[in-house]
Amino acid sequence: MAKLRKQNIFNTTTATIKFVLFWIMVVIQVPLLIILPRRTAVRYMPIFMWFLIKLAGIKIVVHGQVSKKRPLMIVSNHISVFELATFPCVFKGSFIAKKEMENWPLVGWVAKKFGVIFVDRRPSHARDALAVVQQAVQNVQYPMILFPEGTTTNGAYVKPFKSTLFNFVENSNITVQPVAMHYRYKDGSVIDEQTMADHFAYFDNSKMDMGPHCKRERSAFGQVFHIMMLGGFTVEITMLPPPPLMGLDRKQIAEVLQQQVSAKYMELKDKK
């Protein structure tokens, strides 16, 4: 079984060099993002994210095929910030994200250039959010990616999907393809739940309904540095068949998709 790297001078120094290189690449590429039109920037996003993936030592393994139908929505479970880098490389698409992210320094601006759709999830703004998503999804030829748990988790289970995020799917022509995503050590061995919570989930998950709680909270960039120090990991993405959703309301859609993703995730995460 693989073991985590110990935090020593060598690994910390190596991670520091990689982290500095990452920010150098960001600074170099920002002028390019300024001049690129938004649609062109979306196509450029996988290249931008590729640098982070390589510097962090992340390996991507994909099982199955992305649906060729359009408009297409990809829905997946969500463990950490690294889905924001790995998913664009796999799906060549962009995200639907919470409205708060739009105001994050630098991150919000870059996300806009990369075609991210920001949605206000407050019930009072549901109608406006629905119109924004419907228009955006219908007008692009690349997949849009949604994490309907609404947050990252400790990796022990898949939270219920928020049904309000599927208002725009009801009685529409949107194909929804569920995806089960799990983490492994780089040699393919299983990461136990406590280690997952402590080292691969990056936030305070003390309110998780199941599984262990992490012992320390890190910021998003702190988590990137931590993974660089550990030497990386493997992200396995398993494509599932799009289920028939016509005639279902948003709550039923959320339940069908969550059950499909959760069943596959629980099957795969501890499989040796």
C-alpha atoms as a PDB file:
ATOM      1  CA  MET A   1       0.000   0.000   0.000  1.00  0.00           C
ATOM      2  CA  ALA A   2       1.231   3.486  -0.786  1.00  0.00           C
ATOM      3  CA  LYS A   3       2.150   5.783   2.069  1.00  0.00           C
ATOM      4  CA  LEU A   4       1.984   9.546   2.316  1.00  0.00           C
ATOM      5  CA  ARG A   5       5.222  11.451   1.995  1.00  0.00           C
ATOM      6  CA  LYS A   6       6.496  12.764   5.280  1.00  0.00           C
ATOM      7  CA  GLN A   7       6.755  16.501   5.719  1.00  0.00           C
ATOM      8  CA  ASN A   8      10.511  17.055   5.652  1.00  0.00           C
ATOM      9  CA  ILE A   9      12.863  19.750   4.384  1.00  0.00           C
ATOM     10  CA  PHE A  10      13.313  18.105   0.992  1.00  0.00           C
ATOM     11  CA  ASN A  11       9.595  17.623   0.264  1.00  0.00           C
ATOM     12  CA  THR A  12       8.704  21.074   1.597  1.00  0.00           C
ATOM     13  CA  THR A  13      11.419  22.696  -0.518  1.00  0.00           C
ATOM     14  CA  THR A  14      10.322  20.789  -3.611  1.00  0.00           C
ATOM     15  CA  ALA A  15       6.700  21.810  -3.038  1.00  0.00           C
ATOM     16  CA  THR A  16       7.753  25.440  -2.563  1.00  0.00           C
ATOM     17  CA  ILE A  17       9.591  25.439  -5.891  1.00  0.00           C
ATOM     18  CA  LYS A  18       6.570  23.906  -7.637  1.00  0.00           C
ATOM     19  CA  PHE A  19       4.213  26.387  -5.984  1.00  0.00           C
ATOM     20  CA  VAL A  20       6.355  29.326  -7.097  1.00  0.00           C
ATOM     21  CA  LEU A  21       6.497  27.891 -10.636  1.00  0.00           C
ATOM     22  CA  PHE A  22       2.712  27.608 -10.643  1.00  0.00           C
ATOM     23  CA  TRP A  23       2.317  31.299  -9.800  1.00  0.00           C
ATOM     24  CA  ILE A  24       4.912  32.243 -12.389  1.00  0.00           C
ATOM     25  CA  MET A  25       2.845  30.369 -15.004  1.00  0.00           C
ATOM     26  CA  VAL A  26      -0.288  32.185 -13.825  1.00  0.00           C
ATOM     27  CA  VAL A  27       1.387  35.590 -14.112  1.00  0.00           C
ATOM     28  CA  ILE A  28       2.747  34.761 -17.569  1.00  0.00           C
ATOM     29  CA  GLN A  29      -0.657  33.639 -18.825  1.00  0.00           C
ATOM     30  CA  VAL A  30      -2.805  36.436 -17.375  1.00  0.00           C
ATOM     31  CA  PRO A  31      -1.957  38.870 -20.234  1.00  0.00           C
ATOM     32  CA  LEU A  32      -3.023  36.188 -22.706  1.00  0.00           C
ATOM     33  CA  LEU A  33      -6.330  35.775 -20.896  1.00  0.00           C
ATOM     34  CA  ILE A  34      -6.903  39.532 -21.051  1.00  0.00           C
ATOM     35  CA  ILE A  35      -6.744  39.615 -24.844  1.00  0.00           C
ATOM     36  CA  LEU A  36      -8.524  36.308 -25.527  1.00  0.00           C
ATOM     37  CA  PRO A  37     -12.295  36.468 -26.183  1.00  0.00           C
ATOM     38  CA  ARG A  38     -14.334  34.501 -23.668  1.00  0.00           C
ATOM     39  CA  ARG A  39     -15.217  31.625 -26.022  1.00  0.00           C
ATOM     40  CA  THR A  40     -11.578  31.239 -27.043  1.00  0.00           C
ATOM     41  CA  ALA A  41     -10.485  31.339 -23.401  1.00  0.00           C
ATOM     42  CA  VAL A  42     -12.792  28.390 -22.644  1.00  0.00           C
ATOM     43  CA  ARG A  43     -10.943  26.294 -25.214  1.00  0.00           C
ATOM     44  CA  TYR A  44      -7.666  27.439 -23.691  1.00  0.00           C
ATOM     45  CA  MET A  45      -8.675  26.468 -20.122  1.00  0.00           C
ATOM     46  CA  PRO A  46      -7.479  22.805 -20.329  1.00  0.00           C
ATOM     47  CA  ILE A  47      -4.000  24.050 -21.257  1.00  0.00           C
ATOM     48  CA  PHE A  48      -4.019  26.518 -18.356  1.00  0.00           C
ATOM     49  CA  MET A  49      -5.130  23.809 -15.905  1.00  0.00           C
ATOM     50  CA  TRP A  50      -2.651  21.272 -17.281  1.00  0.00           C
ATOM     51  CA  PHE A  51       0.225  23.192 -15.661  1.00  0.00           C
ATOM     52  CA  LEU A  52      -1.376  22.959 -12.206  1.00  0.00           C
ATOM     53  CA  ILE A  53      -2.054  19.252 -12.656  1.00  0.00           C
ATOM     54  CA  LYS A  54       1.508  18.477 -13.682  1.00  0.00           C
ATOM     55  CA  LEU A  55       3.086  20.615 -10.970  1.00  0.00           C
ATOM     56  CA  ALA A  56       0.844  19.066  -8.304  1.00  0.00           C
ATOM     57  CA  GLY A  57       1.687  15.555  -9.509  1.00  0.00           C
ATOM     58  CA  ILE A  58      -1.906  14.615 -10.324  1.00  0.00           C
ATOM     59  CA  LYS A  59      -2.629  11.691 -12.618  1.00  0.00           C
ATOM     60  CA  ILE A  60      -6.013  11.414 -14.384  1.00  0.00           C
ATOM     61  CA  VAL A  61      -7.588   8.067 -15.297  1.00  0.00           C
ATOM     62  CA  VAL A  62     -10.816   8.107 -17.316  1.00  0.00           C
ATOM     63  CA  HIS A  63     -13.243   5.213 -17.734  1.00  0.00           C
ATOM     64  CA  GLY A  64     -15.960   5.422 -20.394  1.00  0.00           C
ATOM     65  CA  GLN A  65     -16.890   8.041 -22.965  1.00  0.00           C
ATOM     66  CA  VAL A  66     -18.368  11.515 -22.825  1.00  0.00           C
ATOM     67  CA  SER A  67     -21.759  11.743 -24.507  1.00  0.00           C
ATOM     68  CA  LYS A  68     -21.669  13.440 -27.907  1.00  0.00           C
ATOM     69  CA  LYS A  69     -25.148  14.905 -27.441  1.00  0.00           C
ATOM     70  CA  ARG A  70     -25.540  18.643 -27.015  1.00  0.00           C
ATOM     71  CA  PRO A  71     -26.505  20.572 -24.971  1.00  0.00           C
ATOM     72  CA  LEU A  72     -24.744  18.439 -22.354  1.00  0.00           C
ATOM     73  CA  MET A  73     -24.530  18.760 -18.589  1.00  0.00           C
ATOM     74  CA  ILE A  74     -21.967  16.769 -16.591  1.00  0.00           C
ATOM     75  CA  VAL A  75     -22.887  16.166 -12.927  1.00  0.00           C
ATOM     76  CA  SER A  76     -20.419  14.714 -10.441  1.00  0.00           C
ATOM     77  CA  ASN A  77     -19.578  14.302  -6.793  1.00  0.00           C
ATOM     78  CA  HIS A  78     -17.065  16.821  -5.460  1.00  0.00           C
ATOM     79  CA  ILE A  79     -14.165  16.244  -3.027  1.00  0.00           C
ATOM     80  CA  SER A  80     -11.708  19.137  -3.367  1.00  0.00           C
ATOM     81  CA  VAL A  81     -10.462  22.094  -5.392  1.00  0.00           C
ATOM     82  CA  PHE A  82      -8.646  19.789  -7.816  1.00  0.00           C
ATOM     83  CA  GLU A  83     -11.853  19.008  -9.702  1.00  0.00           C
ATOM     84  CA  LEU A  84     -11.656  22.602 -10.927  1.00  0.00           C
ATOM     85  CA  ALA A  85      -8.424  21.687 -12.725  1.00  0.00           C
ATOM     86  CA  THR A  86      -8.951  18.051 -13.713  1.00  0.00           C
ATOM     87  CA  PHE A  87     -12.499  18.263 -15.086  1.00  0.00           C
ATOM     88  CA  PRO A  88     -11.769  20.926 -17.759  1.00  0.00           C
ATOM     89  CA  CYS A  89      -8.886  18.767 -18.998  1.00  0.00           C
ATOM     90  CA  VAL A  90     -11.182  15.758 -19.366  1.00  0.00           C
ATOM     91  CA  PHE A  91     -14.413  17.366 -20.572  1.00  0.00           C
ATOM     92  CA  LYS A  92     -13.086  20.467 -22.390  1.00  0.00           C
ATOM     93  CA  GLY A  93     -15.936  22.459 -20.873  1.00  0.00           C
ATOM     94  CA  SER A  94     -16.732  24.977 -18.131  1.00  0.00           C
ATOM     95  CA  PHE A  95     -18.624  25.134 -14.843  1.00  0.00           C
ATOM     96  CA  ILE A  96     -21.770  26.296 -13.145  1.00  0.00           C
ATOM     97  CA  ALA A  97     -20.630  27.810  -9.834  1.00  0.00           C
ATOM     98  CA  LYS A  98     -22.021  29.636  -6.827  1.00  0.00           C
ATOM     99  CA  LYS A  99     -22.443  33.406  -7.166  1.00  0.00           C
ATOM    100  CA  GLU A 100     -20.051  34.152  -4.280  1.00  0.00           C
ATOM    101  CA  MET A 101     -17.107  32.878  -6.305  1.00  0.00           C
ATOM    102  CA  GLU A 102     -17.575  35.702  -8.809  1.00  0.00           C
ATOM    103  CA  ASN A 103     -16.158  38.213  -6.305  1.00  0.00           C
ATOM    104  CA  TRP A 104     -13.084  36.201  -5.279  1.00  0.00           C
ATOM    105  CA  PRO A 105      -9.866  38.124  -6.074  1.00  0.00           C
ATOM    106  CA  LEU A 106      -8.282  36.968  -9.359  1.00  0.00           C
ATOM    107  CA  VAL A 107     -10.151  33.620  -9.217  1.00  0.00           C
ATOM    108  CA  GLY A 108     -13.479  35.244 -10.042  1.00  0.00           C
ATOM    109  CA  TRP A 109     -12.033  37.173 -12.989  1.00  0.00           C
ATOM    110  CA  VAL A 110     -10.254  34.118 -14.394  1.00  0.00           C
ATOM    111  CA  ALA A 111     -13.432  32.050 -13.962  1.00  0.00           C
ATOM    112  CA  LYS A 112     -15.443  34.588 -15.979  1.00  0.00           C
ATOM    113  CA  LYS A 113     -12.913  34.407 -18.813  1.00  0.00           C
ATOM    114  CA  PHE A 114     -13.163  30.631 -18.709  1.00  0.00           C
ATOM    115  CA  GLY A 115     -16.920  30.740 -19.271  1.00  0.00           C
ATOM    116  CA  VAL A 116     -18.044  29.880 -15.749  1.00  0.00           C
ATOM    117  CA  ILE A 117     -21.749  30.578 -15.143  1.00  0.00           C
ATOM    118  CA  PHE A 118     -22.349  32.075 -11.707  1.00  0.00           C
ATOM    119  CA  VAL A 119     -25.672  31.176 -10.105  1.00  0.00           C
ATOM    120  CA  ASP A 120     -27.291  32.873  -7.121  1.00  0.00           C
ATOM    121  CA  ARG A 121     -28.629  29.923  -5.146  1.00  0.00           C
ATOM    122  CA  ARG A 122     -30.882  31.964  -2.859  1.00  0.00           C
ATOM    123  CA  PRO A 123     -34.542  30.908  -3.290  1.00  0.00           C
ATOM    124  CA  SER A 124     -35.577  34.531  -3.937  1.00  0.00           C
ATOM    125  CA  HIS A 125     -33.284  34.593  -6.995  1.00  0.00           C
ATOM    126  CA  ALA A 126     -34.223  31.163  -8.344  1.00  0.00           C
ATOM    127  CA  ARG A 127     -36.126  32.455 -11.385  1.00  0.00           C
ATOM    128  CA  ASP A 128     -33.298  34.712 -12.549  1.00  0.00           C
ATOM    129  CA  ALA A 129     -30.745  31.942 -11.985  1.00  0.00           C
ATOM    130  CA  LEU A 130     -32.860  29.542 -14.025  1.00  0.00           C
ATOM    131  CA  ALA A 131     -32.991  31.940 -16.984  1.00  0.00           C
ATOM    132  CA  VAL A 132     -29.223  32.529 -16.886  1.00  0.00           C
ATOM    133  CA  VAL A 133     -28.394  28.818 -16.882  1.00  0.00           C
ATOM    134  CA  GLN A 134     -30.941  27.904 -19.547  1.00  0.00           C
ATOM    135  CA  GLN A 135     -29.624  30.505 -21.953  1.00  0.00           C
ATOM    136  CA  ALA A 136     -25.965  29.696 -21.334  1.00  0.00           C
ATOM    137  CA  VAL A 137     -26.299  25.917 -21.670  1.00  0.00           C
ATOM    138  CA  GLN A 138     -28.287  26.193 -24.890  1.00  0.00           C
ATOM    139  CA  ASN A 139     -25.775  28.552 -26.505  1.00  0.00           C
ATOM    140  CA  VAL A 140     -22.542  26.571 -26.024  1.00  0.00           C
ATOM    141  CA  GLN A 141     -21.260  23.455 -27.767  1.00  0.00           C
ATOM    142  CA  TYR A 142     -19.030  22.317 -24.925  1.00  0.00           C
ATOM    143  CA  PRO A 143     -20.252  20.491 -21.794  1.00  0.00           C
ATOM    144  CA  MET A 144     -21.165  22.449 -18.682  1.00  0.00           C
ATOM    145  CA  ILE A 145     -20.076  20.883 -15.393  1.00  0.00           C
ATOM    146  CA  LEU A 146     -22.132  20.964 -12.193  1.00  0.00           C
ATOM    147  CA  PHE A 147     -21.340  19.697  -8.675  1.00  0.00           C
ATOM    148  CA  PRO A 148     -24.897  19.378  -7.305  1.00  0.00           C
ATOM    149  CA  GLU A 149     -23.876  18.459  -3.747  1.00  0.00           C
ATOM    150  CA  GLY A 150     -23.302  22.202  -3.411  1.00  0.00           C
ATOM    151  CA  THR A 151     -19.998  21.767  -1.558  1.00  0.00           C
ATOM    152  CA  THR A 152     -16.949  19.546  -1.297  1.00  0.00           C
ATOM    153  CA  THR A 153     -17.046  16.535   1.040  1.00  0.00           C
ATOM    154  CA  ASN A 154     -14.751  14.357   3.136  1.00  0.00           C
ATOM    155  CA  GLY A 155     -14.779  11.650   0.453  1.00  0.00           C
ATOM    156  CA  ALA A 156     -16.676   9.167   2.619  1.00  0.00           C
ATOM    157  CA  TYR A 157     -19.984   9.449   0.754  1.00  0.00           C
ATOM    158  CA  VAL A 158     -21.994  11.453  -1.787  1.00  0.00           C
ATOM    159  CA  LYS A 159     -24.270  14.089  -0.297  1.00  0.00           C
ATOM    160  CA  PRO A 160     -27.858  14.522  -1.563  1.00  0.00           C
ATOM    161  CA  PHE A 161     -28.042  16.633  -4.720  1.00  0.00           C
ATOM    162  CA  LYS A 162     -29.699  20.031  -4.413  1.00  0.00           C
ATOM    163  CA  SER A 163     -32.873  19.780  -6.455  1.00  0.00           C
ATOM    164  CA  THR A 164     -33.064  23.538  -7.114  1.00  0.00           C
ATOM    165  CA  LEU A 165     -29.999  23.172  -9.348  1.00  0.00           C
ATOM    166  CA  PHE A 166     -32.042  21.053 -11.767  1.00  0.00           C
ATOM    167  CA  ASN A 167     -34.876  23.504 -12.461  1.00  0.00           C
ATOM    168  CA  PHE A 168     -33.477  24.120 -15.939  1.00  0.00           C
ATOM    169  CA  VAL A 169     -33.419  20.391 -16.779  1.00  0.00           C
ATOM    170  CA  GLU A 170     -37.159  19.825 -16.334  1.00  0.00           C
ATOM    171  CA  ASN A 171     -38.833  19.216 -19.718  1.00  0.00           C
ATOM    172  CA  SER A 172     -35.743  20.388 -21.604  1.00  0.00           C
ATOM    173  CA  ASN A 173     -33.568  18.919 -24.335  1.00  0.00           C
ATOM    174  CA  ILE A 174     -30.499  18.928 -22.089  1.00  0.00           C
ATOM    175  CA  THR A 175     -28.676  15.596 -21.815  1.00  0.00           C
ATOM    176  CA  VAL A 176     -27.353  15.011 -18.304  1.00  0.00           C
ATOM    177  CA  GLN A 177     -24.438  12.606 -17.906  1.00  0.00           C
ATOM    178  CA  PRO A 178     -23.588  11.547 -14.354  1.00  0.00           C
ATOM    179  CA  VAL A 179     -19.964  10.948 -13.371  1.00  0.00           C
ATOM    180  CA  ALA A 180     -18.505   9.141 -10.358  1.00  0.00           C
ATOM    181  CA  MET A 181     -15.103  10.523  -9.376  1.00  0.00           C
ATOM    182  CA  HIS A 182     -12.788   9.098  -6.716  1.00  0.00           C
ATOM    183  CA  TYR A 183      -9.207   9.533  -5.523  1.00  0.00           C
ATOM    184  CA  ARG A 184      -6.410   6.966  -5.288  1.00  0.00           C
ATOM    185  CA  TYR A 185      -2.751   7.003  -4.408  1.00  0.00           C
ATOM    186  CA  LYS A 186      -0.538   7.297  -7.481  1.00  0.00           C
ATOM    187  CA  ASP A 187       0.142   3.549  -7.431  1.00  0.00           C
ATOM    188  CA  GLY A 188      -3.605   2.875  -7.623  1.00  0.00           C
ATOM    189  CA  SER A 189      -4.064   1.747  -4.022  1.00  0.00           C
ATOM    190  CA  VAL A 190      -7.026   2.812  -1.870  1.00  0.00           C
ATOM    191  CA  ILE A 191      -6.897   5.926   0.326  1.00  0.00           C
ATOM    192  CA  ASP A 192      -8.571   5.195   3.657  1.00  0.00           C
ATOM    193  CA  GLU A 193     -11.341   7.532   4.823  1.00  0.00           C
ATOM    194  CA  GLN A 194      -9.429   9.225   7.645  1.00  0.00           C
ATOM    195  CA  THR A 195      -6.449   9.954   5.412  1.00  0.00           C
ATOM    196  CA  MET A 196      -8.830  11.254   2.743  1.00  0.00           C
ATOM    197  CA  ALA A 197     -10.452  13.627   5.226  1.00  0.00           C
ATOM    198  CA  ASP A 198      -7.152  14.787   6.728  1.00  0.00           C
ATOM    199  CA  HIS A 199      -5.131  15.292   3.555  1.00  0.00           C
ATOM    200  CA  PHE A 200      -7.313  15.376   0.425  1.00  0.00           C
ATOM    201  CA  ALA A 201     -10.419  17.232   1.632  1.00  0.00           C
ATOM    202  CA  TYR A 202      -9.331  20.812   2.218  1.00  0.00           C
ATOM    203  CA  PHE A 203     -11.999  22.401   4.365  1.00  0.00           C
ATOM    204  CA  ASP A 204     -13.555  22.080   7.806  1.00  0.00           C
ATOM    205  CA  ASN A 205     -15.873  19.124   7.256  1.00  0.00           C
ATOM    206  CA  SER A 206     -16.962  18.848  10.890  1.00  0.00           C
ATOM    207  CA  LYS A 207     -20.588  19.097   9.763  1.00  0.00           C
ATOM    208  CA  MET A 208     -20.421  16.065   7.467  1.00  0.00           C
ATOM    209  CA  ASP A 209     -23.193  13.564   8.151  1.00  0.00           C
ATOM    210  CA  MET A 210     -20.980  10.521   7.653  1.00  0.00           C
ATOM    211  CA  GLY A 211     -17.342   9.511   7.872  1.00  0.00           C
ATOM    212  CA  PRO A 212     -14.351  11.058   9.643  1.00  0.00           C
ATOM    213  CA  HIS A 213     -13.717  14.758  10.149  1.00  0.00           C
ATOM    214  CA  CYS A 214     -10.519  16.429   9.051  1.00  0.00           C
ATOM    215  CA  LYS A 215      -8.112  17.515  11.773  1.00  0.00           C
ATOM    216  CA  ARG A 216      -7.056  20.719  10.058  1.00  0.00           C
ATOM    217  CA  GLU A 217      -8.606  23.241   7.697  1.00  0.00           C
ATOM    218  CA  ARG A 218      -6.612  24.597   4.736  1.00  0.00           C
ATOM    219  CA  SER A 219      -7.369  27.302   2.228  1.00  0.00           C
ATOM    220  CA  ALA A 220      -7.713  26.331  -1.432  1.00  0.00           C
ATOM    221  CA  PHE A 221      -4.144  27.410  -2.227  1.00  0.00           C
ATOM    222  CA  GLY A 222      -2.922  25.886   1.014  1.00  0.00           C
ATOM    223  CA  GLN A 223      -4.379  22.590  -0.150  1.00  0.00           C
ATOM    224  CA  VAL A 224      -2.608  22.908  -3.511  1.00  0.00           C
ATOM    225  CA  PHE A 225       0.723  23.364  -1.684  1.00  0.00           C
ATOM    226  CA  HIS A 226      -0.044  20.444   0.646  1.00  0.00           C
ATOM    227  CA  ILE A 227      -0.731  18.077  -2.261  1.00  0.00           C
ATOM    228  CA  MET A 228       2.467  19.221  -3.970  1.00  0.00           C
ATOM    229  CA  MET A 229       4.342  18.319  -0.796  1.00  0.00           C
ATOM    230  CA  LEU A 230       2.661  14.902  -0.636  1.00  0.00           C
ATOM    231  CA  GLY A 231       3.659  14.174  -4.237  1.00  0.00           C
ATOM    232  CA  GLY A 232       0.193  14.145  -5.804  1.00  0.00           C
ATOM    233  CA  PHE A 233      -2.468  11.497  -6.301  1.00  0.00           C
ATOM    234  CA  THR A 234      -4.680   9.887  -8.951  1.00  0.00           C
ATOM    235  CA  VAL A 235      -8.134  11.120  -9.942  1.00  0.00           C
ATOM    236  CA  GLU A 236     -10.309   8.402 -11.481  1.00  0.00           C
ATOM    237  CA  ILE A 237     -13.329   9.600 -13.454  1.00  0.00           C
ATOM    238  CA  THR A 238     -15.981   7.061 -14.425  1.00  0.00           C
ATOM    239  CA  MET A 239     -18.568   8.084 -17.014  1.00  0.00           C
ATOM    240  CA  LEU A 240     -22.065   6.738 -16.404  1.00  0.00           C
ATOM    241  CA  PRO A 241     -24.871   6.459 -18.991  1.00  0.00           C
ATOM    242  CA  PRO A 242     -27.245   9.454 -19.161  1.00  0.00           C
ATOM    243  CA  PRO A 243     -30.541   8.317 -17.585  1.00  0.00           C
ATOM    244  CA  PRO A 244     -33.937   9.117 -19.128  1.00  0.00           C
ATOM    245  CA  LEU A 245     -35.184  12.229 -17.317  1.00  0.00           C
ATOM    246  CA  MET A 246     -38.053  13.411 -19.502  1.00  0.00           C
ATOM    247  CA  GLY A 247     -41.251  13.772 -17.482  1.00  0.00           C
ATOM    248  CA  LEU A 248     -39.471  13.941 -14.119  1.00  0.00           C
ATOM    249  CA  ASP A 249     -39.597  16.994 -11.889  1.00  0.00           C
ATOM    250  CA  ARG A 250     -36.441  18.566 -10.439  1.00  0.00           C
ATOM    251  CA  LYS A 251     -36.617  16.584  -7.179  1.00  0.00           C
ATOM    252  CA  GLN A 252     -36.955  13.302  -9.015  1.00  0.00           C
ATOM    253  CA  ILE A 253     -34.110  14.262 -11.365  1.00  0.00           C
ATOM    254  CA  ALA A 254     -31.853  15.064  -8.393  1.00  0.00           C
ATOM    255  CA  GLU A 255     -32.687  11.752  -6.721  1.00  0.00           C
ATOM    256  CA  VAL A 256     -32.124   9.655  -9.841  1.00  0.00           C
ATOM    257  CA  LEU A 257     -28.754  11.254 -10.555  1.00  0.00           C
ATOM    258  CA  GLN A 258     -27.587  11.170  -6.928  1.00  0.00           C
ATOM    259  CA  GLN A 259     -28.448   7.488  -6.591  1.00  0.00           C
ATOM    260  CA  GLN A 260     -26.584   6.663  -9.776  1.00  0.00           C
ATOM    261  CA  VAL A 261     -23.459   8.611  -8.800  1.00  0.00           C
ATOM    262  CA  SER A 262     -23.521   7.505  -5.156  1.00  0.00           C
ATOM    263  CA  ALA A 263     -23.918   3.792  -5.975  1.00  0.00           C
ATOM    264  CA  LYS A 264     -20.966   3.821  -8.375  1.00  0.00           C
ATOM    265  CA  TYR A 265     -18.802   5.952  -6.073  1.00  0.00           C
ATOM    266  CA  MET A 266     -19.377   3.694  -3.052  1.00  0.00           C
ATOM    267  CA  GLU A 267     -18.610   0.683  -5.246  1.00  0.00           C
ATOM    268  CA  LEU A 268     -15.317   2.101  -6.519  1.00  0.00           C
ATOM    269  CA  LYS A 269     -13.770   4.128  -3.679  1.00  0.00           C
ATOM    270  CA  ASP A 270     -12.713   1.128  -1.551  1.00  0.00           C
ATOM    271  CA  LYS A 271     -12.336  -1.401  -4.356  1.00  0.00           C
ATOM    272  CA  LYS A 272      -8.859  -2.925  -4.396  1.00  0.00           C
END
